Structure formats: structure tokens, C-alpha cells
N, C-alpha and C. Protein backbone atom coordinates (compact mmCIF):
# COMPACT_ATOMS: atom_id res chain seq x y z
N MET A 1 -18.21 0.31 23.75
CA MET A 1 -18.23 0.21 22.23
C MET A 1 -18.34 -0.91 21.63
N GLU A 2 -19.16 -1.19 20.60
CA GLU A 2 -19.66 -2.20 19.82
C GLU A 2 -18.98 -2.25 18.31
N LEU A 3 -18.30 -3.11 18.15
CA LEU A 3 -17.58 -3.39 16.58
C LEU A 3 -18.29 -4.14 16.04
N ARG A 4 -18.78 -3.94 14.83
CA ARG A 4 -19.61 -4.90 14.08
C ARG A 4 -19.46 -4.73 12.57
N LYS A 5 -19.96 -5.89 11.79
CA LYS A 5 -20.19 -5.80 10.35
C LYS A 5 -21.30 -4.71 10.01
N ALA A 6 -20.74 -3.84 8.98
CA ALA A 6 -21.78 -2.85 8.65
C ALA A 6 -22.98 -3.49 8.06
N LYS A 7 -23.91 -2.86 8.06
CA LYS A 7 -25.32 -3.32 7.55
C LYS A 7 -25.78 -2.21 6.49
N LEU A 8 -26.55 -2.65 5.68
CA LEU A 8 -27.11 -1.59 4.72
C LEU A 8 -27.69 -0.37 5.13
N GLN A 9 -28.30 -0.37 6.35
CA GLN A 9 -28.79 0.75 7.05
C GLN A 9 -27.87 1.85 7.57
N ASP A 10 -26.33 1.25 7.65
CA ASP A 10 -25.29 2.00 8.12
C ASP A 10 -24.63 2.69 7.02
N ILE A 11 -25.01 2.55 5.86
CA ILE A 11 -24.19 3.19 4.61
C ILE A 11 -24.34 4.71 4.52
N GLU A 12 -25.61 5.26 4.99
CA GLU A 12 -25.86 6.66 4.83
C GLU A 12 -24.49 7.32 5.69
N LYS A 13 -24.60 6.83 6.97
CA LYS A 13 -23.66 7.69 7.90
C LYS A 13 -22.42 7.10 7.58
N VAL A 14 -22.06 5.89 7.01
CA VAL A 14 -20.73 5.73 6.74
C VAL A 14 -20.17 6.61 5.55
N THR A 15 -21.23 6.75 4.62
CA THR A 15 -20.94 7.45 3.40
C THR A 15 -20.62 8.85 3.72
N LYS A 16 -21.13 9.39 4.80
CA LYS A 16 -20.94 10.87 5.29
C LYS A 16 -19.50 10.60 5.79
N TYR A 17 -19.11 9.88 6.63
CA TYR A 17 -17.60 9.63 7.07
C TYR A 17 -16.58 9.67 6.11
N GLY A 18 -16.95 8.83 5.31
CA GLY A 18 -16.05 8.65 3.91
C GLY A 18 -15.82 10.11 2.96
N LEU A 19 -16.90 10.81 2.95
CA LEU A 19 -16.98 12.11 2.26
C LEU A 19 -16.05 13.00 3.18
N ILE A 20 -15.85 13.06 4.52
CA ILE A 20 -15.10 13.51 5.24
C ILE A 20 -13.75 13.22 5.16
N LEU A 21 -13.36 12.06 5.22
CA LEU A 21 -12.17 11.44 4.79
C LEU A 21 -11.47 11.78 3.36
N LEU A 22 -12.34 11.99 2.40
CA LEU A 22 -11.97 12.36 1.23
C LEU A 22 -11.80 13.55 1.28
N LYS A 23 -12.60 14.75 1.80
CA LYS A 23 -12.20 16.03 1.94
C LYS A 23 -10.79 16.23 2.60
N GLN A 24 -10.54 15.55 3.54
CA GLN A 24 -9.16 15.55 4.41
C GLN A 24 -8.16 15.49 3.28
N HIS A 25 -8.28 14.17 2.56
CA HIS A 25 -7.28 14.04 1.62
C HIS A 25 -6.93 15.15 0.48
N SER A 26 -8.25 15.63 -0.24
CA SER A 26 -8.37 16.73 -1.14
C SER A 26 -7.46 17.97 -0.60
N ASP A 27 -7.90 18.39 0.84
CA ASP A 27 -7.48 19.33 1.40
C ASP A 27 -5.93 19.20 1.55
N LEU A 28 -5.27 18.12 1.73
CA LEU A 28 -3.82 17.97 2.01
C LEU A 28 -3.12 17.98 0.39
N ASP A 29 -4.00 17.41 -0.63
CA ASP A 29 -3.42 17.30 -2.14
C ASP A 29 -4.62 17.36 -3.16
N PRO A 30 -4.56 18.55 -3.73
CA PRO A 30 -5.85 18.65 -4.78
C PRO A 30 -5.74 17.51 -5.87
N TYR A 31 -4.91 16.75 -5.98
CA TYR A 31 -4.87 15.60 -6.69
C TYR A 31 -5.80 14.72 -6.51
N PHE A 32 -6.27 14.55 -5.39
CA PHE A 32 -7.39 13.82 -4.76
C PHE A 32 -8.68 14.40 -4.50
N THR A 33 -8.86 15.52 -5.18
CA THR A 33 -10.40 16.14 -5.50
C THR A 33 -11.23 15.34 -5.86
N PRO A 34 -12.08 15.15 -5.11
CA PRO A 34 -13.34 14.17 -5.86
C PRO A 34 -14.23 14.83 -6.90
N ILE A 35 -14.75 13.69 -7.55
CA ILE A 35 -15.68 14.10 -8.67
C ILE A 35 -16.99 14.82 -7.85
N GLU A 36 -17.85 15.18 -8.73
CA GLU A 36 -19.11 15.83 -8.37
C GLU A 36 -20.00 14.65 -7.68
N ALA A 37 -20.13 13.70 -8.61
CA ALA A 37 -20.96 12.56 -7.95
C ALA A 37 -20.32 11.56 -6.97
N VAL A 38 -19.40 12.08 -6.22
CA VAL A 38 -18.66 11.35 -5.35
C VAL A 38 -19.56 10.41 -4.30
N GLU A 39 -20.53 11.12 -3.82
CA GLU A 39 -21.46 10.56 -2.70
C GLU A 39 -22.01 9.27 -3.42
N LYS A 40 -22.46 9.45 -4.54
CA LYS A 40 -23.28 8.21 -5.00
C LYS A 40 -22.20 7.06 -5.35
N VAL A 41 -20.78 7.31 -5.97
CA VAL A 41 -19.98 6.54 -6.17
C VAL A 41 -19.46 5.45 -5.02
N TYR A 42 -19.39 6.55 -4.01
CA TYR A 42 -18.73 6.04 -2.84
C TYR A 42 -19.89 5.31 -2.05
N ARG A 43 -21.15 5.72 -2.00
CA ARG A 43 -22.26 4.80 -1.30
C ARG A 43 -22.16 3.44 -2.19
N LYS A 44 -22.25 3.27 -3.45
CA LYS A 44 -22.29 2.11 -4.04
C LYS A 44 -21.07 1.23 -3.80
N PHE A 45 -19.69 1.71 -3.50
CA PHE A 45 -18.74 0.93 -3.10
C PHE A 45 -18.79 0.41 -1.85
N LEU A 46 -19.44 1.35 -1.08
CA LEU A 46 -19.93 0.88 0.64
C LEU A 46 -20.82 -0.43 0.55
N GLU A 47 -21.82 -0.06 -0.33
CA GLU A 47 -22.74 -1.06 -0.39
C GLU A 47 -22.20 -2.35 -0.83
N GLY A 48 -21.47 -2.47 -1.69
CA GLY A 48 -20.68 -3.54 -2.44
C GLY A 48 -20.11 -4.36 -1.30
N CYS A 49 -19.29 -3.54 -0.39
CA CYS A 49 -18.55 -4.08 0.65
C CYS A 49 -19.41 -4.95 1.68
N VAL A 50 -20.67 -4.50 1.57
CA VAL A 50 -21.63 -5.10 2.87
C VAL A 50 -21.58 -6.81 2.52
N HIS A 51 -21.97 -6.93 1.16
CA HIS A 51 -22.14 -8.37 0.76
C HIS A 51 -20.95 -8.88 -0.04
N SER A 52 -19.75 -8.52 0.22
CA SER A 52 -18.70 -9.09 -0.63
C SER A 52 -17.92 -9.98 -0.04
N ALA A 53 -17.61 -10.99 -0.48
CA ALA A 53 -16.58 -12.10 0.11
C ALA A 53 -15.26 -11.56 0.58
N ASP A 54 -14.73 -10.70 -0.56
CA ASP A 54 -13.44 -10.06 -0.52
C ASP A 54 -13.26 -8.68 0.21
N LYS A 55 -14.30 -8.32 0.61
CA LYS A 55 -14.31 -6.71 1.31
C LYS A 55 -14.90 -7.15 2.85
N LEU A 56 -14.48 -6.14 3.73
CA LEU A 56 -15.29 -6.10 4.74
C LEU A 56 -15.23 -4.68 5.27
N LEU A 57 -16.60 -4.36 5.72
CA LEU A 57 -16.95 -2.98 5.98
C LEU A 57 -17.40 -3.24 7.46
N LEU A 58 -16.61 -2.25 8.56
CA LEU A 58 -16.67 -2.58 9.87
C LEU A 58 -17.30 -1.40 10.48
N VAL A 59 -18.30 -1.04 11.38
CA VAL A 59 -18.72 0.22 12.00
C VAL A 59 -18.34 -0.15 13.51
N ALA A 60 -18.11 1.12 14.07
CA ALA A 60 -18.24 1.38 15.69
C ALA A 60 -19.13 1.79 16.21
N GLU A 61 -19.78 1.63 17.18
CA GLU A 61 -21.13 2.05 18.03
C GLU A 61 -20.48 2.41 19.56
N ILE A 62 -20.99 3.32 19.87
CA ILE A 62 -21.16 3.84 21.18
C ILE A 62 -22.56 4.27 21.36
N ASN A 63 -23.18 3.47 22.37
CA ASN A 63 -24.31 4.00 22.92
C ASN A 63 -25.42 3.97 22.03
N GLY A 64 -24.87 3.16 20.82
CA GLY A 64 -26.07 2.98 19.75
C GLY A 64 -25.94 3.97 18.64
N GLU A 65 -24.76 4.76 18.93
CA GLU A 65 -24.43 5.72 17.82
C GLU A 65 -23.31 5.69 16.98
N LEU A 66 -23.21 5.51 15.98
CA LEU A 66 -21.95 5.13 14.79
C LEU A 66 -21.30 6.30 14.79
N VAL A 67 -19.90 5.73 15.26
CA VAL A 67 -18.87 6.80 15.51
C VAL A 67 -17.82 6.63 14.50
N GLY A 68 -17.55 5.58 13.86
CA GLY A 68 -16.54 5.36 12.98
C GLY A 68 -16.71 4.16 11.96
N TYR A 69 -15.89 3.96 11.11
CA TYR A 69 -15.99 2.78 10.15
C TYR A 69 -14.61 2.36 9.87
N ALA A 70 -14.42 1.47 9.29
CA ALA A 70 -13.05 0.78 8.52
C ALA A 70 -13.53 -0.11 7.43
N ALA A 71 -12.80 -0.07 6.37
CA ALA A 71 -12.93 -1.00 5.24
C ALA A 71 -11.79 -1.51 4.69
N GLY A 72 -11.74 -2.60 4.48
CA GLY A 72 -10.65 -3.56 4.15
C GLY A 72 -10.90 -4.48 2.85
N GLU A 73 -9.98 -5.09 2.05
CA GLU A 73 -10.36 -5.83 1.04
C GLU A 73 -9.19 -6.75 0.66
N ILE A 74 -9.36 -7.73 0.23
CA ILE A 74 -8.48 -8.47 -0.56
C ILE A 74 -8.07 -7.90 -1.98
N GLN A 75 -6.85 -7.96 -2.26
CA GLN A 75 -6.49 -7.56 -3.79
C GLN A 75 -5.34 -8.52 -4.18
N ALA A 76 -5.32 -8.73 -5.43
CA ALA A 76 -4.59 -9.30 -6.14
C ALA A 76 -3.34 -8.49 -6.52
N ARG A 77 -2.33 -9.39 -6.53
CA ARG A 77 -0.93 -8.87 -7.01
C ARG A 77 -0.68 -9.22 -8.27
N SER A 78 0.43 -8.78 -9.06
CA SER A 78 0.73 -9.19 -10.55
C SER A 78 1.04 -10.81 -10.20
N PRO A 79 0.67 -11.50 -11.35
CA PRO A 79 0.83 -12.74 -11.17
C PRO A 79 2.29 -13.24 -11.47
N ILE A 80 3.22 -12.26 -11.66
CA ILE A 80 4.55 -12.52 -11.58
C ILE A 80 5.36 -12.73 -10.28
N PHE A 81 4.46 -12.60 -9.21
CA PHE A 81 5.15 -12.43 -7.79
C PHE A 81 4.36 -13.76 -6.99
N LYS A 82 5.33 -14.42 -6.18
CA LYS A 82 4.80 -15.68 -5.45
C LYS A 82 3.70 -15.15 -4.48
N ILE A 83 3.74 -13.84 -3.88
CA ILE A 83 2.69 -13.60 -2.92
C ILE A 83 1.56 -13.15 -3.93
N ALA A 84 0.62 -13.97 -3.89
CA ALA A 84 -0.57 -13.62 -5.11
C ALA A 84 -1.59 -12.64 -4.73
N GLU A 85 -1.89 -12.45 -3.14
CA GLU A 85 -2.67 -11.59 -2.75
C GLU A 85 -2.18 -10.98 -1.46
N TYR A 86 -3.02 -9.84 -0.98
CA TYR A 86 -2.75 -9.00 0.26
C TYR A 86 -4.03 -8.29 0.54
N GLY A 87 -3.93 -8.11 2.13
CA GLY A 87 -5.01 -7.23 2.48
C GLY A 87 -4.55 -5.74 2.29
N TYR A 88 -5.87 -5.07 1.86
CA TYR A 88 -5.55 -3.50 1.86
C TYR A 88 -6.50 -2.84 2.72
N ILE A 89 -6.23 -2.24 3.44
CA ILE A 89 -7.13 -1.24 4.36
C ILE A 89 -7.34 0.02 3.49
N ASN A 90 -8.56 0.37 3.05
CA ASN A 90 -8.98 1.35 2.41
C ASN A 90 -9.23 2.40 3.26
N ASP A 91 -10.06 2.47 4.35
CA ASP A 91 -10.12 3.45 5.09
C ASP A 91 -10.14 3.04 6.60
N VAL A 92 -10.01 4.08 7.48
CA VAL A 92 -10.31 3.96 8.97
C VAL A 92 -10.62 5.39 9.45
N PHE A 93 -11.73 5.48 9.86
CA PHE A 93 -12.12 6.77 10.24
C PHE A 93 -12.82 6.74 11.60
N VAL A 94 -12.41 7.50 12.43
CA VAL A 94 -13.27 7.67 13.72
C VAL A 94 -13.38 9.08 14.17
N GLU A 95 -14.79 9.29 14.30
CA GLU A 95 -15.27 10.87 14.50
C GLU A 95 -14.22 11.46 15.70
N GLU A 96 -14.09 12.61 15.35
CA GLU A 96 -12.90 13.48 16.24
C GLU A 96 -13.08 13.35 17.80
N GLU A 97 -14.30 13.38 18.29
CA GLU A 97 -14.62 13.30 19.68
C GLU A 97 -14.50 11.89 20.45
N PHE A 98 -14.19 11.02 19.43
CA PHE A 98 -14.14 9.51 19.82
C PHE A 98 -12.87 9.11 19.63
N ARG A 99 -11.86 9.84 19.31
CA ARG A 99 -10.54 9.26 18.96
C ARG A 99 -9.81 9.24 20.38
N LYS A 100 -8.74 8.45 20.31
CA LYS A 100 -7.96 8.07 21.42
C LYS A 100 -8.84 7.44 22.49
N LEU A 101 -9.71 6.84 22.07
CA LEU A 101 -10.26 5.57 22.91
C LEU A 101 -9.92 4.10 22.42
N GLY A 102 -8.98 3.90 21.50
CA GLY A 102 -8.72 2.68 21.00
C GLY A 102 -9.46 2.05 20.07
N ILE A 103 -10.29 2.70 19.26
CA ILE A 103 -11.46 2.19 18.22
C ILE A 103 -10.48 1.82 16.98
N ALA A 104 -9.54 2.64 16.58
CA ALA A 104 -8.72 2.59 15.53
C ALA A 104 -8.00 1.09 15.60
N ARG A 105 -7.70 1.03 16.94
CA ARG A 105 -6.95 -0.57 17.36
C ARG A 105 -7.90 -1.72 17.19
N GLU A 106 -9.06 -1.34 17.66
CA GLU A 106 -10.18 -2.40 17.50
C GLU A 106 -10.42 -2.72 16.08
N PHE A 107 -10.51 -1.67 15.13
CA PHE A 107 -10.77 -1.72 13.76
C PHE A 107 -9.73 -2.72 13.33
N LEU A 108 -8.48 -2.60 13.54
CA LEU A 108 -7.46 -3.03 13.03
C LEU A 108 -7.34 -4.68 13.54
N THR A 109 -7.54 -4.65 14.76
CA THR A 109 -7.54 -6.01 15.34
C THR A 109 -8.44 -7.03 14.35
N ALA A 110 -9.75 -6.36 14.28
CA ALA A 110 -10.82 -7.27 13.53
C ALA A 110 -10.35 -7.33 12.12
N LEU A 111 -9.89 -6.17 11.28
CA LEU A 111 -9.48 -6.47 9.96
C LEU A 111 -8.38 -7.68 10.02
N LYS A 112 -7.32 -7.81 10.82
CA LYS A 112 -6.36 -8.54 11.05
C LYS A 112 -6.90 -10.07 11.01
N LYS A 113 -7.57 -10.10 11.92
CA LYS A 113 -8.60 -11.42 12.27
C LYS A 113 -9.06 -11.86 10.73
N TRP A 114 -9.84 -10.83 10.06
CA TRP A 114 -10.62 -11.50 8.92
C TRP A 114 -9.51 -11.77 7.72
N PHE A 115 -8.40 -10.86 7.75
CA PHE A 115 -7.08 -11.15 6.78
C PHE A 115 -6.90 -12.44 7.04
N GLU A 116 -6.52 -12.84 8.03
CA GLU A 116 -5.82 -14.02 8.55
C GLU A 116 -6.76 -15.34 8.13
N SER A 117 -7.95 -14.99 8.37
CA SER A 117 -8.95 -16.05 8.08
C SER A 117 -9.20 -16.54 6.63
N LYS A 118 -8.73 -15.49 5.96
CA LYS A 118 -8.86 -15.60 4.45
C LYS A 118 -7.37 -16.10 3.87
N GLY A 119 -6.55 -16.41 4.67
CA GLY A 119 -5.25 -16.70 4.39
C GLY A 119 -4.32 -15.63 3.98
N ILE A 120 -4.48 -14.44 4.37
CA ILE A 120 -3.79 -13.40 3.87
C ILE A 120 -2.52 -13.00 4.97
N LYS A 121 -1.25 -12.97 4.40
CA LYS A 121 -0.14 -12.75 5.23
C LYS A 121 0.37 -11.63 5.20
N HIS A 122 -0.04 -10.58 4.46
CA HIS A 122 0.55 -9.11 4.19
C HIS A 122 -0.43 -8.21 4.06
N VAL A 123 -0.40 -7.15 4.75
CA VAL A 123 -1.65 -6.05 4.73
C VAL A 123 -0.90 -4.78 4.25
N GLU A 124 -1.63 -3.92 3.43
CA GLU A 124 -0.88 -2.66 2.92
C GLU A 124 -1.75 -1.66 3.06
N LEU A 125 -1.70 -0.48 3.05
CA LEU A 125 -2.31 0.87 3.03
C LEU A 125 -1.83 2.06 2.36
N SER A 126 -2.28 3.07 2.14
CA SER A 126 -1.50 4.18 1.61
C SER A 126 -1.91 5.37 2.20
N VAL A 127 -0.86 6.32 2.55
CA VAL A 127 -0.84 7.45 3.38
C VAL A 127 -0.12 8.48 2.33
N LEU A 128 -0.89 9.49 2.18
CA LEU A 128 -0.25 10.83 1.58
C LEU A 128 1.17 11.34 2.24
N SER A 129 1.92 11.40 1.34
CA SER A 129 3.24 11.95 1.95
C SER A 129 3.34 13.08 2.59
N ASN A 130 2.54 13.86 2.47
CA ASN A 130 2.38 15.22 3.44
C ASN A 130 1.25 14.93 4.92
N ASN A 131 0.72 13.74 4.90
CA ASN A 131 0.02 13.44 5.95
C ASN A 131 0.74 12.96 7.12
N GLU A 132 1.26 13.81 7.81
CA GLU A 132 2.08 13.73 8.95
C GLU A 132 1.49 12.96 10.04
N ILE A 133 0.19 13.30 10.34
CA ILE A 133 -0.78 12.58 11.33
C ILE A 133 -0.80 11.23 11.09
N GLY A 134 -1.32 10.97 9.79
CA GLY A 134 -1.44 9.65 9.09
C GLY A 134 -0.17 8.69 9.24
N LYS A 135 0.96 9.19 8.88
CA LYS A 135 2.17 8.46 8.86
C LYS A 135 2.56 8.07 10.21
N LYS A 136 2.51 9.07 10.90
CA LYS A 136 2.87 8.73 12.62
C LYS A 136 1.95 7.57 13.15
N THR A 137 0.51 7.50 12.83
CA THR A 137 -0.44 6.87 13.41
C THR A 137 -0.25 5.41 12.81
N TRP A 138 0.12 5.45 11.66
CA TRP A 138 0.34 3.93 11.10
C TRP A 138 1.50 3.51 11.43
N ALA A 139 2.62 4.25 11.57
CA ALA A 139 3.87 3.71 12.02
C ALA A 139 3.91 3.22 13.37
N LYS A 140 2.93 3.86 14.17
CA LYS A 140 2.56 3.37 15.67
C LYS A 140 2.06 1.86 15.53
N PHE A 141 1.52 1.59 14.50
CA PHE A 141 0.87 0.26 14.42
C PHE A 141 2.11 -0.69 13.56
N GLY A 142 3.11 -0.28 13.27
CA GLY A 142 4.16 -1.13 12.66
C GLY A 142 4.46 -1.08 11.28
N PHE A 143 3.26 -0.26 10.52
CA PHE A 143 3.53 -0.02 9.28
C PHE A 143 4.87 0.69 8.71
N GLU A 144 5.49 0.23 7.73
CA GLU A 144 6.67 0.63 7.23
C GLU A 144 6.49 1.17 5.58
N THR A 145 7.29 2.12 5.48
CA THR A 145 7.22 2.40 3.89
C THR A 145 8.27 1.40 3.28
N TYR A 146 7.62 1.00 2.06
CA TYR A 146 8.19 0.05 1.60
C TYR A 146 8.23 0.37 -0.14
N GLU A 147 7.44 1.39 -0.52
CA GLU A 147 7.53 1.63 -1.93
C GLU A 147 7.36 3.19 -2.00
N ILE A 148 8.06 3.93 -2.86
CA ILE A 148 7.68 5.32 -2.89
C ILE A 148 7.19 5.41 -4.43
N LYS A 149 6.04 6.08 -4.56
CA LYS A 149 5.43 6.45 -5.83
C LYS A 149 5.74 7.96 -6.10
N LYS A 150 5.75 8.21 -7.34
CA LYS A 150 5.99 9.59 -7.97
C LYS A 150 5.24 10.08 -9.00
N ARG A 151 4.81 11.26 -8.99
CA ARG A 151 3.74 11.81 -9.96
C ARG A 151 4.32 12.87 -10.43
N LEU A 152 3.79 13.41 -11.81
CA LEU A 152 4.18 14.25 -12.35
C LEU A 152 3.05 14.78 -13.45
N GLU A 153 2.75 16.01 -13.46
CA GLU A 153 1.92 16.62 -14.42
C GLU A 153 2.61 16.29 -15.91
N MET A 154 1.86 16.17 -16.96
CA MET A 154 2.48 15.69 -18.22
C MET A 154 3.22 16.76 -18.83
N ARG A 155 2.52 18.03 -18.47
CA ARG A 155 3.23 19.20 -19.11
C ARG A 155 4.57 19.49 -18.50
N LYS A 156 4.93 19.18 -17.41
CA LYS A 156 6.12 19.35 -16.67
C LYS A 156 7.02 18.06 -16.90
N LEU A 157 6.80 17.16 -17.80
CA LEU A 157 7.89 16.23 -17.98
C LEU A 157 8.99 16.73 -18.79
N ASP A 158 10.18 16.72 -18.06
CA ASP A 158 11.41 17.11 -18.87
C ASP A 158 12.20 16.11 -19.50
N LEU A 159 12.00 15.78 -20.67
CA LEU A 159 12.63 14.79 -21.40
C LEU A 159 14.07 15.01 -22.00
N LYS A 160 14.74 16.42 -21.87
CA LYS A 160 15.79 16.79 -21.98
C LYS A 160 16.74 16.68 -20.75
N ALA A 161 16.25 16.46 -19.59
CA ALA A 161 17.04 16.14 -18.45
C ALA A 161 17.63 14.93 -18.46
N GLY A 162 19.03 14.94 -17.84
CA GLY A 162 19.74 13.70 -18.07
C GLY A 162 20.52 13.45 -19.11
């Protein structure tokens, strides 16, 4: 298995993987249903990752075949906090038949090394609350829940409560 920084010629395949990941999220929660032009928008995001100093797009290949990708970036926090920046893991995707081979661990190892080279001391990611596989997977790597977000449709906002 070879892990490397993505090149522009990888973007088409990585975009397809990203769309699979988006579909998985929208299947878990319709709130994450993508727009019609999602492929174009996501491709542009991924292309931007290739040349950005604050983003890293990695791909994994086995026998010359691209089998997964990971995307991470440096994000700024509110200026009211001492810790000004953090690493954010946008995506990690490995084709189903290549899972359980340690590819996700390799992606995380590379992302950690890159974040540390940028002086980053904390890393975050998001997992849907009903994504049991995702929660279990990320917990295995030591990620802990530190914040709970709440969501409500405006029409259901009950101002008479309490």
C-alpha cells in the first residue's frame, strides 16, 4: 500500500469516493442531503486541497489502484480562545473491500505528522450522533466527545416551554 499526497489527476476518483461518503451521511440524516451540483462543488474543494498550505489531501493506492482518501485542514478558532487553531479531519474513506487493512490508521498517522509540522496541538472531527460505526471507529483512535450540538426545525421551536 502506498500513501501519498493527492495530485490533480486523482480528483475524479476522490470525488466519487466523497460522493459515496456524502450519500452515507444523508442516508443517516436527511439534513445532510447534498445539493444537485454537489459533484462540481466537492471537486472544487478537493482541487483546492491539492495546492493549499492549510489543507492536506491524501490518497492510498494498492497495486496502482486508488482505494481511499483522507482530507484534513487547519481551522481557526474564535480569537477569544488561547488555542487559536486546530486540525480538522474532514473525511477518511476507504473502499469497503480494503477496510480492516490499517489504511485509516496510516491516514491518521500522516495527518498527525502534518498537523504537528504546522504546530497544531489539537485535532477535531465530526461524527453524526446516529453513526454507530463512525463513533466506534473514532473512539478506537482515542477521539472523545467534547461538545454536543443541538438542531431544531424553526417551525418546531417551542417558546412557550419552560
